[in-house]
Amino acid sequence: MHAQNPNAAQTYQKGDKLFTLGLEYVDSFSADKDIDLYSFRLGYGSLLFKNVVFFGTLNISGTSGLLKIENEDTTEILNAESFGFGTSFLFRWYFVQFKNISLFLDVGAGLLYSFQSFPPKGTKLNFTTRPGGGLAININSRTQLLGGINRFHLSNGQGYNHPFNPAFDGLGFFVGIILRMK
């Protein structure tokens, strides 16, 4: 569905170079993982074709919280604080546009290296995915504010229920700004 509106703000053109800054907060889905993840993302991208943008990003991430591991006889509570750096890519499709507001869907994936194993008893190097969607507001022809939600997944790629692949899954909330470079 694409709303045709002759007064719609056409913010970006094919080939435009874009710079983005963003913040993300992810809350764990799991009751035994009282863990939060925070990220600052810095990216550079381009409009590939009408309404589709590609970004490459650098991420600085931190985690806080506790992980509870229950065995038959014991309960172990582990500190889940960590800090790390990563890189990722993101494809964003603006599928509905009205005047200065657009709705979008996006999908991103990347790598995150943390200085402590994350989640606890996991690994330091993990893969990330974050499909999601949101709302973008065109402030002017060069500036766009956005906010949205995503389904965040982090694991080391060993497969579900593998003993060396403790994953972290959660609901992410993000805000950001996109600037068109001249």
Foldseek 3Di string as FASTA:
>chain_A
DEDDDPLAQPQAAFFWKKKKWKKKKWAFPDPQWRKIKIKIKIWIWGRHHPQKIKIKIKIKMWMFGWGWDDDPPDIDIDTQTWIWIWIKMKMKGFRYTDRFKTKIKMKMKIKIAIPAAPPVLEHRIKIKIWTWIWMWGHPDSFKIKIKIKTWIKIWRPPDPPDSHTDMTIGMMIMIMMMGTDD
